Amino acid sequence: NSYSDGGDHGAVQDKLECARRAVAANLPSVPTLRHFAKRENVNLSDVPIGDSEGGFIKSRTGCRGMGAFSIQTQDGNFVGRMLETGRRLDSETDINSAITDLLRDDDALVQPLLANHAAQSLLRLHARSCGCERPFQYFFQY
């Protein structure tokens, strides 16, 4: 395919292929619930999060969480948060816009939204102390 040349370097850059190889090697991997093609016409109703804890949508080949966001239900409504900036997505319109923006440049993958282990808070404290805190700090601040 156009994402991976079949080599190891290409597979690491292609998150879908990397996960496939991890599963084939019996390594733990977050499941991909859905794959959307670049420029596919998608909206929130196409995203398989149902009654789960929520979903995480990211680009197939991006890095540093650019364009990635979470979706959860809150009081019966969908809300989201951009990973990179922490910007809230307060309506289905906001979420649909984020999906469209992400699919403009790349394929997108939907995964279950996972809660971080409590020990990660220690990593955040360390990151702050050395000045290398990452944007993930905003992710779970609903």
C-alpha atoms as a PDB file:
ATOM      1  CA  ASN A   1       0.000   0.000   0.000  1.00  0.00           C
ATOM      2  CA  SER A   2       1.027   3.634  -0.146  1.00  0.00           C
ATOM      3  CA  TYR A   3       1.680   3.819   3.587  1.00  0.00           C
ATOM      4  CA  SER A   4       4.161   1.052   4.106  1.00  0.00           C
ATOM      5  CA  ASP A   5       6.803  -0.186   1.725  1.00  0.00           C
ATOM      6  CA  GLY A   6       6.695  -3.545   3.491  1.00  0.00           C
ATOM      7  CA  GLY A   7       9.929  -2.807   5.349  1.00  0.00           C
ATOM      8  CA  ASP A   8      10.306  -2.362   9.073  1.00  0.00           C
ATOM      9  CA  HIS A   9      10.811   1.411   8.889  1.00  0.00           C
ATOM     10  CA  GLY A  10       7.602   1.888   6.908  1.00  0.00           C
ATOM     11  CA  ALA A  11       5.701  -0.374   9.293  1.00  0.00           C
ATOM     12  CA  VAL A  12       6.711   1.732  12.289  1.00  0.00           C
ATOM     13  CA  GLN A  13       5.441   4.884  10.593  1.00  0.00           C
ATOM     14  CA  ASP A  14       2.166   3.185   9.616  1.00  0.00           C
ATOM     15  CA  LYS A  15       0.243   2.718  12.873  1.00  0.00           C
ATOM     16  CA  LEU A  16      -2.210   0.258  11.334  1.00  0.00           C
ATOM     17  CA  GLU A  17       0.558  -1.976   9.969  1.00  0.00           C
ATOM     18  CA  CYS A  18       2.570  -1.653  13.171  1.00  0.00           C
ATOM     19  CA  ALA A  19      -0.419  -2.840  15.223  1.00  0.00           C
ATOM     20  CA  ARG A  20      -1.018  -5.724  12.804  1.00  0.00           C
ATOM     21  CA  ARG A  21       2.573  -6.847  13.184  1.00  0.00           C
ATOM     22  CA  ALA A  22       2.418  -6.512  16.971  1.00  0.00           C
ATOM     23  CA  VAL A  23      -0.665  -8.752  17.130  1.00  0.00           C
ATOM     24  CA  ALA A  24       0.975 -11.274  14.784  1.00  0.00           C
ATOM     25  CA  ALA A  25       3.975 -11.372  17.146  1.00  0.00           C
ATOM     26  CA  ASN A  26       1.687 -11.833  20.191  1.00  0.00           C
ATOM     27  CA  LEU A  27       2.547  -8.381  21.539  1.00  0.00           C
ATOM     28  CA  PRO A  28      -0.116  -6.306  23.275  1.00  0.00           C
ATOM     29  CA  SER A  29      -1.675  -3.705  21.032  1.00  0.00           C
ATOM     30  CA  VAL A  30      -4.586  -1.320  21.375  1.00  0.00           C
ATOM     31  CA  PRO A  31      -7.272  -2.571  18.982  1.00  0.00           C
ATOM     32  CA  THR A  32      -8.257  -0.488  15.995  1.00  0.00           C
ATOM     33  CA  LEU A  33     -12.053  -0.321  15.958  1.00  0.00           C
ATOM     34  CA  ARG A  34     -12.321   1.401  12.594  1.00  0.00           C
ATOM     35  CA  HIS A  35     -10.113   2.690   9.807  1.00  0.00           C
ATOM     36  CA  PHE A  36     -11.264   5.640   7.695  1.00  0.00           C
ATOM     37  CA  ALA A  37      -9.594   6.469   4.397  1.00  0.00           C
ATOM     38  CA  LYS A  38      -8.153   9.895   3.672  1.00  0.00           C
ATOM     39  CA  ARG A  39     -10.874  12.293   2.467  1.00  0.00           C
ATOM     40  CA  GLU A  40     -13.608   9.759   3.283  1.00  0.00           C
ATOM     41  CA  ASN A  41     -16.912  11.426   4.135  1.00  0.00           C
ATOM     42  CA  VAL A  42     -17.308  10.546   7.833  1.00  0.00           C
ATOM     43  CA  ASN A  43     -19.267  11.975  10.726  1.00  0.00           C
ATOM     44  CA  LEU A  44     -19.729  11.131  14.379  1.00  0.00           C
ATOM     45  CA  SER A  45     -22.430   8.527  13.708  1.00  0.00           C
ATOM     46  CA  ASP A  46     -19.805   6.457  11.823  1.00  0.00           C
ATOM     47  CA  VAL A  47     -17.454   6.302  14.822  1.00  0.00           C
ATOM     48  CA  PRO A  48     -17.866   3.049  16.796  1.00  0.00           C
ATOM     49  CA  ILE A  49     -17.783   4.155  20.409  1.00  0.00           C
ATOM     50  CA  GLY A  50     -21.318   3.202  21.459  1.00  0.00           C
ATOM     51  CA  ASP A  51     -21.673   2.721  25.202  1.00  0.00           C
ATOM     52  CA  SER A  52     -17.937   2.349  25.772  1.00  0.00           C
ATOM     53  CA  GLU A  53     -15.725   4.653  27.795  1.00  0.00           C
ATOM     54  CA  GLY A  54     -15.110   6.651  24.652  1.00  0.00           C
ATOM     55  CA  GLY A  55     -12.932   6.705  21.604  1.00  0.00           C
ATOM     56  CA  PHE A  56      -9.613   8.077  20.463  1.00  0.00           C
ATOM     57  CA  ILE A  57      -9.190   9.177  16.855  1.00  0.00           C
ATOM     58  CA  LYS A  58      -5.737   9.691  15.405  1.00  0.00           C
ATOM     59  CA  SER A  59      -4.028   9.868  12.057  1.00  0.00           C
ATOM     60  CA  ARG A  60      -2.588   6.696  10.591  1.00  0.00           C
ATOM     61  CA  THR A  61       0.906   8.125  10.138  1.00  0.00           C
ATOM     62  CA  GLY A  62       1.063  11.342  12.191  1.00  0.00           C
ATOM     63  CA  CYS A  63       3.217  12.033  15.188  1.00  0.00           C
ATOM     64  CA  ARG A  64       3.045  13.968  18.463  1.00  0.00           C
ATOM     65  CA  GLY A  65      -0.739  13.687  18.542  1.00  0.00           C
ATOM     66  CA  MET A  66      -1.252  16.282  15.834  1.00  0.00           C
ATOM     67  CA  GLY A  67      -4.944  16.286  14.933  1.00  0.00           C
ATOM     68  CA  ALA A  68      -5.754  13.480  17.396  1.00  0.00           C
ATOM     69  CA  PHE A  69      -8.697  13.823  19.761  1.00  0.00           C
ATOM     70  CA  SER A  70     -10.837  11.951  22.252  1.00  0.00           C
ATOM     71  CA  ILE A  71     -14.598  11.484  22.231  1.00  0.00           C
ATOM     72  CA  GLN A  72     -16.710  10.628  25.262  1.00  0.00           C
ATOM     73  CA  THR A  73     -20.325  10.930  26.296  1.00  0.00           C
ATOM     74  CA  GLN A  74     -21.140  13.409  29.025  1.00  0.00           C
ATOM     75  CA  ASP A  75     -24.717  13.806  30.245  1.00  0.00           C
ATOM     76  CA  GLY A  76     -25.941  12.006  27.134  1.00  0.00           C
ATOM     77  CA  ASN A  77     -24.034  14.273  24.722  1.00  0.00           C
ATOM     78  CA  PHE A  78     -20.803  13.708  22.861  1.00  0.00           C
ATOM     79  CA  VAL A  79     -17.839  15.849  23.862  1.00  0.00           C
ATOM     80  CA  GLY A  80     -14.223  15.693  22.826  1.00  0.00           C
ATOM     81  CA  ARG A  81     -10.828  17.173  23.430  1.00  0.00           C
ATOM     82  CA  MET A  82      -7.971  17.831  21.025  1.00  0.00           C
ATOM     83  CA  LEU A  83      -4.823  16.076  22.226  1.00  0.00           C
ATOM     84  CA  GLU A  84      -2.279  18.597  21.007  1.00  0.00           C
ATOM     85  CA  THR A  85      -3.937  21.798  22.236  1.00  0.00           C
ATOM     86  CA  GLY A  86      -6.421  20.660  24.857  1.00  0.00           C
ATOM     87  CA  ARG A  87      -9.210  22.515  23.037  1.00  0.00           C
ATOM     88  CA  ARG A  88     -12.642  21.197  23.967  1.00  0.00           C
ATOM     89  CA  LEU A  89     -14.989  19.876  21.317  1.00  0.00           C
ATOM     90  CA  ASP A  90     -18.332  20.772  22.903  1.00  0.00           C
ATOM     91  CA  SER A  91     -20.753  19.703  20.189  1.00  0.00           C
ATOM     92  CA  GLU A  92     -21.268  17.131  17.468  1.00  0.00           C
ATOM     93  CA  THR A  93     -20.510  19.917  14.981  1.00  0.00           C
ATOM     94  CA  ASP A  94     -17.103  20.499  16.628  1.00  0.00           C
ATOM     95  CA  ILE A  95     -16.358  16.767  16.596  1.00  0.00           C
ATOM     96  CA  ASN A  96     -17.431  16.373  12.961  1.00  0.00           C
ATOM     97  CA  SER A  97     -15.155  19.292  12.030  1.00  0.00           C
ATOM     98  CA  ALA A  98     -12.234  17.636  13.836  1.00  0.00           C
ATOM     99  CA  ILE A  99     -12.896  14.386  11.937  1.00  0.00           C
ATOM    100  CA  THR A 100     -13.007  16.245   8.616  1.00  0.00           C
ATOM    101  CA  ASP A 101      -9.794  18.145   9.431  1.00  0.00           C
ATOM    102  CA  LEU A 102      -7.970  14.929  10.339  1.00  0.00           C
ATOM    103  CA  LEU A 103      -9.108  13.129   7.185  1.00  0.00           C
ATOM    104  CA  ARG A 104      -8.037  16.011   4.980  1.00  0.00           C
ATOM    105  CA  ASP A 105      -4.374  14.972   5.280  1.00  0.00           C
ATOM    106  CA  ASP A 106      -4.298  11.297   6.247  1.00  0.00           C
ATOM    107  CA  ASP A 107      -6.247   8.143   6.997  1.00  0.00           C
ATOM    108  CA  ALA A 108      -7.678   7.996  10.524  1.00  0.00           C
ATOM    109  CA  LEU A 109      -7.849   5.213  13.086  1.00  0.00           C
ATOM    110  CA  VAL A 110     -10.426   4.859  15.855  1.00  0.00           C
ATOM    111  CA  GLN A 111      -9.314   3.144  19.032  1.00  0.00           C
ATOM    112  CA  PRO A 112     -10.908   2.719  22.455  1.00  0.00           C
ATOM    113  CA  LEU A 113     -10.173   5.581  24.831  1.00  0.00           C
ATOM    114  CA  LEU A 114      -7.867   4.193  27.492  1.00  0.00           C
ATOM    115  CA  ALA A 115      -7.374   5.685  30.932  1.00  0.00           C
ATOM    116  CA  ASN A 116      -3.781   6.209  31.963  1.00  0.00           C
ATOM    117  CA  HIS A 117      -2.347   4.342  34.903  1.00  0.00           C
ATOM    118  CA  ALA A 118      -2.151   6.408  38.090  1.00  0.00           C
ATOM    119  CA  ALA A 119       1.656   6.209  37.933  1.00  0.00           C
ATOM    120  CA  GLN A 120       1.555   8.450  34.880  1.00  0.00           C
ATOM    121  CA  SER A 121       0.889  11.408  37.152  1.00  0.00           C
ATOM    122  CA  LEU A 122       4.421  10.892  38.468  1.00  0.00           C
ATOM    123  CA  LEU A 123       5.718  11.065  34.911  1.00  0.00           C
ATOM    124  CA  ARG A 124       3.880  14.353  34.433  1.00  0.00           C
ATOM    125  CA  LEU A 125       5.474  15.790  37.552  1.00  0.00           C
ATOM    126  CA  HIS A 126       8.890  14.739  36.311  1.00  0.00           C
ATOM    127  CA  ALA A 127       8.181  16.194  32.870  1.00  0.00           C
ATOM    128  CA  ARG A 128       7.223  19.525  34.425  1.00  0.00           C
ATOM    129  CA  SER A 129      10.346  19.604  36.551  1.00  0.00           C
ATOM    130  CA  CYS A 130      12.627  19.147  33.545  1.00  0.00           C
ATOM    131  CA  GLY A 131      10.653  21.426  31.229  1.00  0.00           C
ATOM    132  CA  CYS A 132       9.669  18.696  28.788  1.00  0.00           C
ATOM    133  CA  GLU A 133       5.978  18.309  29.520  1.00  0.00           C
ATOM    134  CA  ARG A 134       4.008  17.048  26.544  1.00  0.00           C
ATOM    135  CA  PRO A 135       0.578  18.210  25.385  1.00  0.00           C
ATOM    136  CA  PHE A 136      -1.020  15.037  26.782  1.00  0.00           C
ATOM    137  CA  GLN A 137      -1.523  16.984  29.996  1.00  0.00           C
ATOM    138  CA  TYR A 138      -4.793  18.329  28.605  1.00  0.00           C
ATOM    139  CA  PHE A 139      -6.196  15.086  27.381  1.00  0.00           C
ATOM    140  CA  PHE A 140      -8.102  13.821  30.399  1.00  0.00           C
ATOM    141  CA  GLN A 141      -9.129  17.173  31.868  1.00  0.00           C
ATOM    142  CA  TYR A 142     -12.875  17.082  31.169  1.00  0.00           C
END
